[in-house]
């Protein structure tokens, strides 16, 4: 028997729009994953602490505010400080194409823009977890 993939979905910063995060959370749950949704306006420290306490495999950030280049390095730093170096970090939201490589260089495993099919997100999460377990 395999254990379900545990995913933390977080909305960092001051962005108050969470419809997309809730849609993704529901799709991941429907795909058999355990999903923890932290709610709006989470700090990097709150996200890292929740990831640690919930023993998640993946942290998914929903960022629509354009603050991804400021928030992601702080979140990755907090996660690393909490011993979560092996927890994959993915980002969804409004991310200009030229920022995708920058985010990947910061330790982001995948970036999903608006309109990404949820099936593709589920598939990528399975790939990330499979690669980590291999």
Protein backbone atom coordinates (compact mmCIF):
# COMPACT_ATOMS: atom_id res chain seq x y z
CA UNK A 1 0.00 0.00 0.00
CA UNK A 2 1.39 3.38 -0.96
CA UNK A 3 0.98 6.49 1.10
CA UNK A 4 -0.74 9.48 -0.42
CA UNK A 5 1.39 12.37 -1.59
CA UNK A 6 1.05 15.22 0.91
CA UNK A 7 0.85 18.71 -0.63
CA UNK A 8 0.77 22.06 1.13
CA UNK A 9 -0.91 24.81 -0.90
CA UNK A 10 -0.04 28.30 0.32
CA UNK A 11 -0.84 31.90 -0.66
CA UNK A 12 2.18 33.98 0.36
CA UNK A 13 2.18 37.73 0.65
CA UNK A 14 -0.69 40.17 0.45
CA UNK A 15 -2.46 38.68 -2.56
CA UNK A 16 -6.10 38.17 -1.59
CA UNK A 17 -7.24 36.03 -4.52
CA UNK A 18 -7.43 32.33 -3.72
CA UNK A 19 -9.90 30.85 -6.19
CA UNK A 20 -7.13 29.28 -8.28
CA UNK A 21 -5.43 27.82 -5.21
CA UNK A 22 -8.71 26.24 -4.14
CA UNK A 23 -9.30 24.80 -7.62
CA UNK A 24 -5.81 23.24 -7.59
CA UNK A 25 -6.27 21.94 -4.04
CA UNK A 26 -9.51 20.25 -5.06
CA UNK A 27 -7.96 18.74 -8.21
CA UNK A 28 -5.02 17.34 -6.24
CA UNK A 29 -7.37 15.93 -3.61
CA UNK A 30 -9.50 14.34 -6.33
CA UNK A 31 -6.30 12.76 -7.71
CA UNK A 32 -5.77 11.01 -4.36
CA UNK A 33 -3.35 13.43 -2.70
CA UNK A 34 -3.64 14.74 0.83
CA UNK A 35 -3.90 18.52 0.57
CA UNK A 36 -3.35 21.08 3.29
CA UNK A 37 -4.46 24.60 2.34
CA UNK A 38 -3.01 27.30 4.58
CA UNK A 39 -5.25 30.15 3.49
CA UNK A 40 -4.43 33.72 2.51
CA UNK A 41 -1.60 36.06 3.47
CA UNK A 42 0.95 33.55 4.71
CA UNK A 43 4.48 34.62 5.61
CA UNK A 44 7.50 32.58 4.50
CA UNK A 45 7.94 31.51 8.12
CA UNK A 46 4.32 30.37 8.41
CA UNK A 47 4.56 28.37 5.18
CA UNK A 48 7.80 26.66 6.18
CA UNK A 49 6.49 25.85 9.65
CA UNK A 50 3.27 24.39 8.23
CA UNK A 51 5.27 22.28 5.76
CA UNK A 52 7.40 20.97 8.62
CA UNK A 53 4.46 20.26 10.95
CA UNK A 54 2.39 18.59 8.21
CA UNK A 55 5.33 16.50 6.91
CA UNK A 56 4.54 17.33 3.28
CA UNK A 57 6.20 16.08 0.11
CA UNK A 58 5.49 19.23 -1.95
CA UNK A 59 4.88 22.90 -1.21
CA UNK A 60 2.79 24.64 -3.85
CA UNK A 61 2.71 28.42 -3.88
CA UNK A 62 -0.03 30.39 -5.60
CA UNK A 63 1.27 33.87 -6.40
CA UNK A 64 -0.74 36.33 -8.46
CA UNK A 65 0.73 39.53 -7.07
CA UNK A 66 3.93 39.60 -9.11
CA UNK A 67 6.01 39.27 -5.94
CA UNK A 68 7.33 35.79 -6.81
CA UNK A 69 10.97 36.93 -7.14
CA UNK A 70 10.85 38.42 -3.64
CA UNK A 71 8.79 35.71 -1.93
CA UNK A 72 10.20 32.48 -3.35
CA UNK A 73 13.81 32.89 -2.18
CA UNK A 74 12.62 33.76 1.34
CA UNK A 75 10.33 30.71 1.43
CA UNK A 76 13.04 28.38 0.07
CA UNK A 77 15.48 29.80 2.65
CA UNK A 78 13.02 29.19 5.50
CA UNK A 79 12.29 25.68 4.24
CA UNK A 80 16.01 24.87 4.01
CA UNK A 81 16.58 26.28 7.52
CA UNK A 82 13.86 23.91 8.79
CA UNK A 83 15.53 20.88 7.18
CA UNK A 84 13.10 20.75 4.26
CA UNK A 85 15.70 20.72 1.48
CA UNK A 86 14.13 17.57 0.01
CA UNK A 87 10.61 19.02 -0.12
CA UNK A 88 9.81 20.08 -3.68
CA UNK A 89 8.65 23.65 -4.22
CA UNK A 90 6.30 24.46 -7.10
CA UNK A 91 4.78 27.79 -8.10
CA UNK A 92 1.56 28.64 -9.87
CA UNK A 93 0.22 31.99 -10.90
CA UNK A 94 1.20 34.93 -13.02
CA UNK A 95 4.88 34.45 -13.80
CA UNK A 96 6.49 36.07 -16.85
CA UNK A 97 8.35 33.59 -19.07
CA UNK A 98 11.66 35.29 -18.36
CA UNK A 99 11.23 34.64 -14.62
CA UNK A 100 10.72 30.88 -14.92
CA UNK A 101 14.45 30.08 -15.22
CA UNK A 102 15.21 32.51 -12.38
CA UNK A 103 12.71 30.67 -10.15
CA UNK A 104 14.16 27.31 -11.15
CA UNK A 105 17.62 28.57 -10.22
CA UNK A 106 16.14 29.48 -6.80
CA UNK A 107 15.08 25.87 -6.28
CA UNK A 108 11.59 25.80 -7.79
CA UNK A 109 10.85 22.41 -9.37
CA UNK A 110 7.97 23.51 -11.60
CA UNK A 111 6.12 26.67 -12.61
CA UNK A 112 2.50 26.63 -13.79
CA UNK A 113 0.86 29.60 -15.45
CA UNK A 114 -2.81 30.52 -15.74
CA UNK A 115 -4.85 27.97 -17.61
CA UNK A 116 -2.54 25.03 -16.93
CA UNK A 117 -4.51 21.81 -17.08
CA UNK A 118 -4.81 20.27 -13.61
CA UNK A 119 -4.00 16.86 -15.11
CA UNK A 120 -0.59 18.24 -16.10
CA UNK A 121 0.00 19.52 -12.55
CA UNK A 122 -0.92 16.14 -11.06
CA UNK A 123 1.38 14.38 -13.55
CA UNK A 124 4.30 16.71 -12.73
CA UNK A 125 3.86 16.19 -8.99
CA UNK A 126 3.94 12.42 -9.50
CA UNK A 127 7.13 12.83 -11.57
CA UNK A 128 8.76 14.93 -8.86
CA UNK A 129 7.87 12.49 -6.08
CA UNK A 130 8.92 9.50 -8.17
CA UNK A 131 12.30 11.09 -8.94
CA UNK A 132 12.82 11.85 -5.26
CA UNK A 133 12.03 8.27 -4.21
CA UNK A 134 14.22 6.68 -6.89
